[in-house]
C-alpha atoms as a PDB file:
ATOM      1  CA  MET A   1      30.363 -17.693 -14.862  1.00  0.00           C
ATOM      2  CA  ALA A   2      27.620 -15.557 -16.445  1.00  0.00           C
ATOM      3  CA  LYS A   3      25.851 -13.102 -14.199  1.00  0.00           C
ATOM      4  CA  GLU A   4      22.154 -13.658 -13.593  1.00  0.00           C
ATOM      5  CA  LYS A   5      20.063 -11.098 -15.440  1.00  0.00           C
ATOM      6  CA  VAL A   6      18.385  -8.663 -13.053  1.00  0.00           C
ATOM      7  CA  LYS A   7      14.766  -7.965 -13.867  1.00  0.00           C
ATOM      8  CA  VAL A   8      13.906  -4.285 -14.155  1.00  0.00           C
ATOM      9  CA  ASP A   9      10.399  -3.366 -13.080  1.00  0.00           C
ATOM     10  CA  LYS A  10       8.246  -1.233 -15.358  1.00  0.00           C
ATOM     11  CA  LYS A  11       5.524   0.586 -13.470  1.00  0.00           C
ATOM     12  CA  ALA A  12       2.439   2.315 -14.804  1.00  0.00           C
ATOM     13  CA  ILE A  13      -0.813   3.946 -13.739  1.00  0.00           C
ATOM     14  CA  LEU A  14      -4.126   3.219 -15.435  1.00  0.00           C
ATOM     15  CA  LEU A  15      -6.705   5.934 -14.764  1.00  0.00           C
ATOM     16  CA  VAL A  16     -10.208   4.498 -14.970  1.00  0.00           C
ATOM     17  CA  ALA A  17     -13.314   6.667 -15.183  1.00  0.00           C
ATOM     18  CA  PHE A  18     -16.913   6.000 -16.149  1.00  0.00           C
ATOM     19  CA  GLY A  19     -16.168   8.296 -19.084  1.00  0.00           C
ATOM     20  CA  THR A  20     -17.790  11.225 -20.842  1.00  0.00           C
ATOM     21  CA  SER A  21     -19.001  11.885 -24.370  1.00  0.00           C
ATOM     22  CA  VAL A  22     -19.105  15.659 -23.825  1.00  0.00           C
ATOM     23  CA  PRO A  23     -15.833  17.142 -25.163  1.00  0.00           C
ATOM     24  CA  GLU A  24     -15.905  20.256 -22.953  1.00  0.00           C
ATOM     25  CA  ALA A  25     -16.391  18.097 -19.851  1.00  0.00           C
ATOM     26  CA  ARG A  26     -13.048  16.398 -20.560  1.00  0.00           C
ATOM     27  CA  VAL A  27     -11.300  19.344 -18.852  1.00  0.00           C
ATOM     28  CA  ALA A  28     -12.036  17.671 -15.496  1.00  0.00           C
ATOM     29  CA  LEU A  29     -10.298  14.456 -16.548  1.00  0.00           C
ATOM     30  CA  ASP A  30      -7.411  16.470 -17.987  1.00  0.00           C
ATOM     31  CA  ASN A  31      -6.977  18.160 -14.619  1.00  0.00           C
ATOM     32  CA  VAL A  32      -6.918  14.807 -12.823  1.00  0.00           C
ATOM     33  CA  GLU A  33      -4.298  13.533 -15.261  1.00  0.00           C
ATOM     34  CA  ALA A  34      -2.168  16.655 -14.767  1.00  0.00           C
ATOM     35  CA  LYS A  35      -2.250  16.285 -10.978  1.00  0.00           C
ATOM     36  CA  VAL A  36      -1.387  12.589 -11.227  1.00  0.00           C
ATOM     37  CA  LYS A  37       1.573  13.280 -13.510  1.00  0.00           C
ATOM     38  CA  GLU A  38       2.700  16.027 -11.157  1.00  0.00           C
ATOM     39  CA  ALA A  39       2.672  13.565  -8.250  1.00  0.00           C
ATOM     40  CA  PHE A  40       4.284  10.753 -10.286  1.00  0.00           C
ATOM     41  CA  PRO A  41       6.750  12.390 -12.701  1.00  0.00           C
ATOM     42  CA  GLY A  42       8.046  10.115 -15.435  1.00  0.00           C
ATOM     43  CA  VAL A  43       5.519   7.345 -14.765  1.00  0.00           C
ATOM     44  CA  GLU A  44       3.475   5.978 -17.676  1.00  0.00           C
ATOM     45  CA  VAL A  45      -0.155   7.133 -17.335  1.00  0.00           C
ATOM     46  CA  ARG A  46      -2.944   5.742 -19.500  1.00  0.00           C
ATOM     47  CA  TRP A  47      -6.745   5.971 -19.636  1.00  0.00           C
ATOM     48  CA  SER A  48      -9.687   3.618 -19.659  1.00  0.00           C
ATOM     49  CA  TYR A  49     -13.473   4.095 -19.510  1.00  0.00           C
ATOM     50  CA  THR A  50     -15.711   1.538 -17.855  1.00  0.00           C
ATOM     51  CA  SER A  51     -18.821   2.565 -19.818  1.00  0.00           C
ATOM     52  CA  SER A  52     -19.087   0.669 -23.094  1.00  0.00           C
ATOM     53  CA  ILE A  53     -21.866   3.056 -24.178  1.00  0.00           C
ATOM     54  CA  ILE A  54     -19.572   6.060 -23.767  1.00  0.00           C
ATOM     55  CA  ARG A  55     -16.646   4.315 -25.487  1.00  0.00           C
ATOM     56  CA  GLU A  56     -18.789   3.360 -28.468  1.00  0.00           C
ATOM     57  CA  LYS A  57     -20.384   6.808 -28.722  1.00  0.00           C
ATOM     58  CA  ILE A  58     -17.138   8.787 -28.776  1.00  0.00           C
ATOM     59  CA  ALA A  59     -15.576   6.296 -31.191  1.00  0.00           C
ATOM     60  CA  ARG A  60     -18.543   6.698 -33.535  1.00  0.00           C
ATOM     61  CA  GLU A  61     -19.065  10.448 -33.206  1.00  0.00           C
ATOM     62  CA  GLN A  62     -15.626  11.835 -32.333  1.00  0.00           C
ATOM     63  CA  LYS A  63     -13.271   9.167 -33.683  1.00  0.00           C
ATOM     64  CA  VAL A  64     -11.704   9.010 -30.222  1.00  0.00           C
ATOM     65  CA  PHE A  65     -10.872   5.499 -29.079  1.00  0.00           C
ATOM     66  CA  ILE A  66     -10.629   4.743 -25.360  1.00  0.00           C
ATOM     67  CA  ASP A  67      -9.946   1.223 -24.153  1.00  0.00           C
ATOM     68  CA  SER A  68     -11.980  -0.817 -21.709  1.00  0.00           C
ATOM     69  CA  PRO A  69     -10.114  -1.703 -18.491  1.00  0.00           C
ATOM     70  CA  MET A  70      -9.434  -5.248 -19.713  1.00  0.00           C
ATOM     71  CA  THR A  71      -8.058  -4.072 -23.062  1.00  0.00           C
ATOM     72  CA  ALA A  72      -5.979  -1.308 -21.479  1.00  0.00           C
ATOM     73  CA  LEU A  73      -4.427  -3.755 -19.020  1.00  0.00           C
ATOM     74  CA  ALA A  74      -3.698  -6.267 -21.780  1.00  0.00           C
ATOM     75  CA  LYS A  75      -1.877  -3.551 -23.720  1.00  0.00           C
ATOM     76  CA  LEU A  76       0.146  -2.563 -20.662  1.00  0.00           C
ATOM     77  CA  SER A  77       1.177  -6.182 -20.189  1.00  0.00           C
ATOM     78  CA  ASP A  78       2.125  -6.513 -23.862  1.00  0.00           C
ATOM     79  CA  ASP A  79       4.210  -3.343 -23.517  1.00  0.00           C
ATOM     80  CA  GLY A  80       6.180  -4.897 -20.670  1.00  0.00           C
ATOM     81  CA  TYR A  81       4.642  -3.135 -17.665  1.00  0.00           C
ATOM     82  CA  ASN A  82       4.721  -5.630 -14.834  1.00  0.00           C
ATOM     83  CA  LYS A  83       3.602  -3.457 -11.917  1.00  0.00           C
ATOM     84  CA  VAL A  84       0.444  -1.412 -12.380  1.00  0.00           C
ATOM     85  CA  VAL A  85      -1.938   0.614 -10.250  1.00  0.00           C
ATOM     86  CA  VAL A  86      -5.497   0.734 -11.545  1.00  0.00           C
ATOM     87  CA  HIS A  87      -6.735   4.062 -10.226  1.00  0.00           C
ATOM     88  CA  SER A  88     -10.507   4.345  -9.947  1.00  0.00           C
ATOM     89  CA  LEU A  89     -12.039   7.772 -10.481  1.00  0.00           C
ATOM     90  CA  HIS A  90     -15.497   6.511  -9.540  1.00  0.00           C
ATOM     91  CA  ILE A  91     -17.294   8.427  -6.800  1.00  0.00           C
ATOM     92  CA  PHE A  92     -18.016   5.382  -4.632  1.00  0.00           C
ATOM     93  CA  PRO A  93     -17.630   1.579  -4.825  1.00  0.00           C
ATOM     94  CA  GLY A  94     -20.792   0.897  -6.811  1.00  0.00           C
ATOM     95  CA  GLN A  95     -21.540  -1.342  -9.786  1.00  0.00           C
ATOM     96  CA  GLU A  96     -18.836   0.100 -12.077  1.00  0.00           C
ATOM     97  CA  TYR A  97     -16.213  -0.149  -9.334  1.00  0.00           C
ATOM     98  CA  SER A  98     -17.298  -3.699  -8.501  1.00  0.00           C
ATOM     99  CA  ASP A  99     -16.959  -4.712 -12.157  1.00  0.00           C
ATOM    100  CA  LEU A 100     -13.507  -3.103 -12.271  1.00  0.00           C
ATOM    101  CA  GLU A 101     -12.544  -4.964  -9.105  1.00  0.00           C
ATOM    102  CA  SER A 102     -13.529  -8.245 -10.777  1.00  0.00           C
ATOM    103  CA  VAL A 103     -11.317  -7.472 -13.771  1.00  0.00           C
ATOM    104  CA  VAL A 104      -8.363  -6.652 -11.547  1.00  0.00           C
ATOM    105  CA  LYS A 105      -8.813  -9.746  -9.391  1.00  0.00           C
ATOM    106  CA  SER A 106      -9.014 -12.008 -12.434  1.00  0.00           C
ATOM    107  CA  LEU A 107      -5.748 -10.647 -13.830  1.00  0.00           C
ATOM    108  CA  GLN A 108      -3.998 -10.757 -10.462  1.00  0.00           C
ATOM    109  CA  ASP A 109      -4.259 -14.545 -10.612  1.00  0.00           C
ATOM    110  CA  THR A 110      -3.612 -15.002 -14.337  1.00  0.00           C
ATOM    111  CA  LYS A 111      -0.417 -16.765 -15.379  1.00  0.00           C
ATOM    112  CA  THR A 112       1.099 -17.901 -18.651  1.00  0.00           C
ATOM    113  CA  SER A 113       3.977 -20.271 -19.365  1.00  0.00           C
ATOM    114  CA  GLU A 114       6.249 -17.240 -18.938  1.00  0.00           C
ATOM    115  CA  GLY A 115       4.890 -16.438 -15.514  1.00  0.00           C
ATOM    116  CA  PRO A 116       2.289 -14.027 -14.059  1.00  0.00           C
ATOM    117  CA  VAL A 117       0.721 -11.507 -16.422  1.00  0.00           C
ATOM    118  CA  PHE A 118       1.521  -8.883 -13.767  1.00  0.00           C
ATOM    119  CA  ASP A 119       3.964  -9.159 -10.900  1.00  0.00           C
ATOM    120  CA  LYS A 120       1.803  -6.664  -9.031  1.00  0.00           C
ATOM    121  CA  LEU A 121      -1.608  -5.277  -9.922  1.00  0.00           C
ATOM    122  CA  VAL A 122      -3.321  -3.009  -7.387  1.00  0.00           C
ATOM    123  CA  LEU A 123      -6.719  -1.328  -7.460  1.00  0.00           C
ATOM    124  CA  SER A 124      -7.029   2.011  -5.662  1.00  0.00           C
ATOM    125  CA  ASP A 125      -9.949   3.122  -3.529  1.00  0.00           C
ATOM    126  CA  SER A 126     -12.767   5.111  -5.104  1.00  0.00           C
ATOM    127  CA  LEU A 127     -13.282   8.725  -4.012  1.00  0.00           C
ATOM    128  CA  LEU A 128     -15.666   7.799  -1.176  1.00  0.00           C
ATOM    129  CA  GLN A 129     -14.307   4.580   0.289  1.00  0.00           C
ATOM    130  CA  GLU A 130     -13.818   5.229   3.987  1.00  0.00           C
ATOM    131  CA  PHE A 131     -15.766   7.562   6.249  1.00  0.00           C
ATOM    132  CA  ASN A 132     -12.937  10.093   6.376  1.00  0.00           C
ATOM    133  CA  ASP A 133     -13.226  10.409   2.588  1.00  0.00           C
ATOM    134  CA  TYR A 134     -16.792  11.651   3.013  1.00  0.00           C
ATOM    135  CA  LYS A 135     -15.650  14.319   5.450  1.00  0.00           C
ATOM    136  CA  ARG A 136     -12.792  15.388   3.188  1.00  0.00           C
ATOM    137  CA  ALA A 137     -15.093  15.536   0.160  1.00  0.00           C
ATOM    138  CA  GLY A 138     -17.554  17.625   2.138  1.00  0.00           C
ATOM    139  CA  ALA A 139     -14.819  20.058   3.118  1.00  0.00           C
ATOM    140  CA  ALA A 140     -13.605  20.195  -0.491  1.00  0.00           C
ATOM    141  CA  ILE A 141     -16.859  21.696  -1.789  1.00  0.00           C
ATOM    142  CA  ALA A 142     -16.895  24.555   0.737  1.00  0.00           C
ATOM    143  CA  ASN A 143     -16.038  27.041  -2.018  1.00  0.00           C
ATOM    144  CA  LEU A 144     -19.382  26.295  -3.696  1.00  0.00           C
ATOM    145  CA  ILE A 145     -21.495  27.430  -0.746  1.00  0.00           C
ATOM    146  CA  PRO A 146     -23.341  30.708  -1.438  1.00  0.00           C
ATOM    147  CA  GLU A 147     -22.443  33.735   0.677  1.00  0.00           C
ATOM    148  CA  ASN A 148     -25.959  34.287   2.001  1.00  0.00           C
ATOM    149  CA  THR A 149     -27.111  30.769   2.897  1.00  0.00           C
ATOM    150  CA  SER A 150     -30.319  32.022   4.503  1.00  0.00           C
ATOM    151  CA  GLU A 151     -31.422  33.190   1.035  1.00  0.00           C
ATOM    152  CA  GLU A 152     -29.674  30.689  -1.227  1.00  0.00           C
ATOM    153  CA  ALA A 153     -29.133  26.928  -0.910  1.00  0.00           C
ATOM    154  CA  LEU A 154     -26.535  24.665  -2.501  1.00  0.00           C
ATOM    155  CA  LEU A 155     -27.986  21.515  -4.055  1.00  0.00           C
ATOM    156  CA  LEU A 156     -25.500  18.960  -5.347  1.00  0.00           C
ATOM    157  CA  MET A 157     -26.492  16.435  -8.004  1.00  0.00           C
ATOM    158  CA  GLY A 158     -25.084  12.925  -7.588  1.00  0.00           C
ATOM    159  CA  HIS A 159     -25.613  10.149 -10.089  1.00  0.00           C
ATOM    160  CA  GLY A 160     -27.189   7.644  -7.712  1.00  0.00           C
ATOM    161  CA  THR A 161     -27.500   3.898  -8.037  1.00  0.00           C
ATOM    162  CA  GLY A 162     -29.766   0.954  -7.428  1.00  0.00           C
ATOM    163  CA  TYR A 163     -26.723  -1.140  -6.517  1.00  0.00           C
ATOM    164  CA  ARG A 164     -26.078  -2.467  -3.012  1.00  0.00           C
ATOM    165  CA  ALA A 165     -23.899   0.579  -2.187  1.00  0.00           C
ATOM    166  CA  LEU A 166     -26.860   2.938  -2.701  1.00  0.00           C
ATOM    167  CA  SER A 167     -26.574   4.244   0.872  1.00  0.00           C
ATOM    168  CA  ALA A 168     -23.385   6.143  -0.059  1.00  0.00           C
ATOM    169  CA  TYR A 169     -25.264   9.197  -1.267  1.00  0.00           C
ATOM    170  CA  GLY A 170     -27.545   9.270   1.743  1.00  0.00           C
ATOM    171  CA  CYS A 171     -24.443   9.175   3.917  1.00  0.00           C
ATOM    172  CA  MET A 172     -22.820  11.983   1.920  1.00  0.00           C
ATOM    173  CA  ASN A 173     -25.967  14.083   2.238  1.00  0.00           C
ATOM    174  CA  ASP A 174     -26.018  13.615   5.999  1.00  0.00           C
ATOM    175  CA  VAL A 175     -22.311  14.443   6.280  1.00  0.00           C
ATOM    176  CA  LEU A 176     -22.967  17.687   4.409  1.00  0.00           C
ATOM    177  CA  ARG A 177     -25.871  18.521   6.720  1.00  0.00           C
ATOM    178  CA  GLN A 178     -23.644  18.043   9.777  1.00  0.00           C
ATOM    179  CA  GLN A 179     -20.618  19.851   8.347  1.00  0.00           C
ATOM    180  CA  TYR A 180     -22.650  22.824   7.213  1.00  0.00           C
ATOM    181  CA  TRP A 181     -25.418  22.808   9.789  1.00  0.00           C
ATOM    182  CA  GLY A 182     -27.972  25.522   9.106  1.00  0.00           C
ATOM    183  CA  LYS A 183     -26.373  26.544   5.820  1.00  0.00           C
ATOM    184  CA  ASN A 184     -28.787  24.747   3.484  1.00  0.00           C
ATOM    185  CA  VAL A 185     -26.289  22.440   1.791  1.00  0.00           C
ATOM    186  CA  MET A 186     -27.816  19.241   0.442  1.00  0.00           C
ATOM    187  CA  LEU A 187     -27.405  16.457  -2.086  1.00  0.00           C
ATOM    188  CA  ALA A 188     -29.862  14.502  -4.225  1.00  0.00           C
ATOM    189  CA  THR A 189     -29.394  12.021  -7.048  1.00  0.00           C
ATOM    190  CA  VAL A 190     -30.596  11.435 -10.598  1.00  0.00           C
ATOM    191  CA  GLU A 191     -31.055   7.690 -10.183  1.00  0.00           C
ATOM    192  CA  GLY A 192     -31.383   6.713  -6.555  1.00  0.00           C
ATOM    193  CA  TYR A 193     -31.790   8.035  -3.030  1.00  0.00           C
ATOM    194  CA  PRO A 194     -32.113  10.784  -1.985  1.00  0.00           C
ATOM    195  CA  GLU A 195     -34.266  12.076  -4.848  1.00  0.00           C
ATOM    196  CA  LEU A 196     -34.950  15.628  -5.969  1.00  0.00           C
ATOM    197  CA  GLN A 197     -38.359  15.511  -4.249  1.00  0.00           C
ATOM    198  CA  HIS A 198     -36.621  14.963  -0.903  1.00  0.00           C
ATOM    199  CA  ALA A 199     -34.387  17.981  -1.468  1.00  0.00           C
ATOM    200  CA  MET A 200     -37.413  20.042  -2.492  1.00  0.00           C
ATOM    201  CA  ARG A 201     -39.021  19.376   0.890  1.00  0.00           C
ATOM    202  CA  ASP A 202     -35.883  20.641   2.616  1.00  0.00           C
ATOM    203  CA  LEU A 203     -35.766  23.671   0.346  1.00  0.00           C
ATOM    204  CA  ALA A 204     -39.409  24.506   1.089  1.00  0.00           C
ATOM    205  CA  ALA A 205     -38.787  24.224   4.823  1.00  0.00           C
ATOM    206  CA  SER A 206     -35.643  26.388   4.634  1.00  0.00           C
ATOM    207  CA  GLY A 207     -37.360  29.455   3.208  1.00  0.00           C
ATOM    208  CA  VAL A 208     -34.627  30.137   0.629  1.00  0.00           C
ATOM    209  CA  LYS A 209     -35.501  31.895  -2.597  1.00  0.00           C
ATOM    210  CA  LYS A 210     -32.466  30.892  -4.662  1.00  0.00           C
ATOM    211  CA  VAL A 211     -30.825  27.546  -5.423  1.00  0.00           C
ATOM    212  CA  LYS A 212     -27.303  26.950  -6.673  1.00  0.00           C
ATOM    213  CA  LEU A 213     -26.980  23.642  -8.521  1.00  0.00           C
ATOM    214  CA  ALA A 214     -23.672  21.833  -8.894  1.00  0.00           C
ATOM    215  CA  PRO A 215     -22.714  18.333 -10.050  1.00  0.00           C
ATOM    216  CA  PHE A 216     -21.315  15.941  -7.456  1.00  0.00           C
ATOM    217  CA  MET A 217     -19.755  14.024 -10.335  1.00  0.00           C
ATOM    218  CA  VAL A 218     -16.209  13.883 -11.681  1.00  0.00           C
ATOM    219  CA  VAL A 219     -17.239  15.609 -14.923  1.00  0.00           C
ATOM    220  CA  ALA A 220     -19.952  18.118 -15.769  1.00  0.00           C
ATOM    221  CA  GLY A 221     -21.159  15.937 -18.613  1.00  0.00           C
ATOM    222  CA  ASP A 222     -24.525  14.886 -19.986  1.00  0.00           C
ATOM    223  CA  HIS A 223     -26.271  14.603 -16.603  1.00  0.00           C
ATOM    224  CA  ALA A 224     -25.082  18.047 -15.534  1.00  0.00           C
ATOM    225  CA  GLN A 225     -25.875  19.705 -18.843  1.00  0.00           C
ATOM    226  CA  ASN A 226     -29.265  18.118 -19.384  1.00  0.00           C
ATOM    227  CA  ASP A 227     -30.724  16.522 -16.238  1.00  0.00           C
ATOM    228  CA  MET A 228     -29.423  19.256 -13.948  1.00  0.00           C
ATOM    229  CA  ALA A 229     -29.224  22.491 -15.949  1.00  0.00           C
ATOM    230  CA  GLY A 230     -31.155  21.755 -19.138  1.00  0.00           C
ATOM    231  CA  ASP A 231     -34.169  23.671 -20.413  1.00  0.00           C
ATOM    232  CA  GLU A 232     -36.444  20.633 -20.675  1.00  0.00           C
ATOM    233  CA  PRO A 233     -39.405  20.616 -18.243  1.00  0.00           C
ATOM    234  CA  ASP A 234     -38.054  17.622 -16.299  1.00  0.00           C
ATOM    235  CA  SER A 235     -34.603  19.063 -15.607  1.00  0.00           C
ATOM    236  CA  TRP A 236     -33.827  20.032 -12.006  1.00  0.00           C
ATOM    237  CA  LYS A 237     -33.419  23.653 -13.050  1.00  0.00           C
ATOM    238  CA  SER A 238     -36.835  23.730 -14.732  1.00  0.00           C
ATOM    239  CA  GLN A 239     -38.585  21.931 -11.873  1.00  0.00           C
ATOM    240  CA  LEU A 240     -37.106  24.310  -9.312  1.00  0.00           C
ATOM    241  CA  GLU A 241     -37.951  27.378 -11.386  1.00  0.00           C
ATOM    242  CA  ALA A 242     -41.509  26.084 -11.671  1.00  0.00           C
ATOM    243  CA  LYS A 243     -41.627  26.198  -7.859  1.00  0.00           C
ATOM    244  CA  GLY A 244     -40.555  29.844  -7.934  1.00  0.00           C
ATOM    245  CA  TYR A 245     -36.845  29.527  -7.146  1.00  0.00           C
ATOM    246  CA  VAL A 246     -34.160  31.558  -8.872  1.00  0.00           C
ATOM    247  CA  VAL A 247     -31.671  28.943 -10.083  1.00  0.00           C
ATOM    248  CA  GLU A 248     -27.964  29.214 -10.860  1.00  0.00           C
ATOM    249  CA  ALA A 249     -25.989  26.279 -12.280  1.00  0.00           C
ATOM    250  CA  HIS A 250     -22.312  25.751 -11.466  1.00  0.00           C
ATOM    251  CA  MET A 251     -20.985  23.791 -14.446  1.00  0.00           C
ATOM    252  CA  GLN A 252     -17.761  22.280 -13.135  1.00  0.00           C
ATOM    253  CA  GLY A 253     -17.158  18.644 -12.269  1.00  0.00           C
ATOM    254  CA  LEU A 254     -15.348  17.460  -9.149  1.00  0.00           C
ATOM    255  CA  GLY A 255     -12.324  16.708 -11.316  1.00  0.00           C
ATOM    256  CA  GLU A 256     -11.863  20.462 -11.680  1.00  0.00           C
ATOM    257  CA  ASN A 257     -11.782  20.888  -7.906  1.00  0.00           C
ATOM    258  CA  ASP A 258      -8.158  20.492  -6.794  1.00  0.00           C
ATOM    259  CA  ALA A 259      -9.159  19.700  -3.207  1.00  0.00           C
ATOM    260  CA  VAL A 260     -11.227  16.754  -4.446  1.00  0.00           C
ATOM    261  CA  VAL A 261      -8.472  15.652  -6.822  1.00  0.00           C
ATOM    262  CA  LYS A 262      -6.053  15.644  -3.882  1.00  0.00           C
ATOM    263  CA  ILE A 263      -8.210  12.977  -2.230  1.00  0.00           C
ATOM    264  CA  MET A 264      -7.976  10.927  -5.431  1.00  0.00           C
ATOM    265  CA  VAL A 265      -4.215  11.364  -5.632  1.00  0.00           C
ATOM    266  CA  ASP A 266      -3.856  10.381  -1.968  1.00  0.00           C
ATOM    267  CA  HIS A 267      -5.730   7.150  -2.738  1.00  0.00           C
ATOM    268  CA  LEU A 268      -3.410   6.595  -5.691  1.00  0.00           C
ATOM    269  CA  LYS A 269      -0.318   7.102  -3.519  1.00  0.00           C
ATOM    270  CA  LYS A 270      -1.661   4.555  -1.028  1.00  0.00           C
ATOM    271  CA  ALA A 271      -2.115   2.007  -3.812  1.00  0.00           C
ATOM    272  CA  TRP A 272       1.265   2.857  -5.368  1.00  0.00           C
ATOM    273  CA  ASN A 273       2.998   2.063  -2.090  1.00  0.00           C
ATOM    274  CA  GLN A 274       1.711  -1.511  -2.445  1.00  0.00           C
ATOM    275  CA  LEU A 275       3.644  -2.124  -5.672  1.00  0.00           C
END
């Protein structure tokens, strides 16, 4: 009597970021990948960008081709991977994360005549998913705080959103205020609440003369280089200098901060345990 063939699972991790078109900002994503591979030795790790604009730009200008989440997952299925964790590198569960969630849910239920497309497909949490994540993220940026906080403030730049999860950045700002009470640590966003004008009121009230800018984003890409630290009149650096502040820009994304990446990897481990 012939023995029944035992199915061997093939597991993989799909890292999904918004993406970046700035080559030097890729170091943050490379660091995330290195930490993931360190935590999951021998596991297949692939990339996907959720931003079609970024994918098209780097394909056109750099001849670098990064798949969308749907395409990347289709390729994994074609290559025989039946158990996959889709690991979100998004800061919080906003529009991009919601779209990714829809893709994952649609494929979780997809079947062919040969059976399910995936035996198990799991989406990880974003960086800021539960309240404890906010506290851990706040603790992770402690190394950015200036030595003399009565003279110099730390202002973090988040992306912001008009999506229903827009309160995430306000929450993060308040967590930072409580964690570093009296130390002039604050957060504002490029496209949402709180805005730079709100941070400027706090800066004026604090009496500081210097401001350290840093991106609260996975990569120090276009927003960090231009909107935050650029020389154009509407950049945060220029607007603050126009108010008389001495401004320093810290040009490293959160993906270069190992304490932040540990939070990401912990989320990945939680999702992996569901395979």
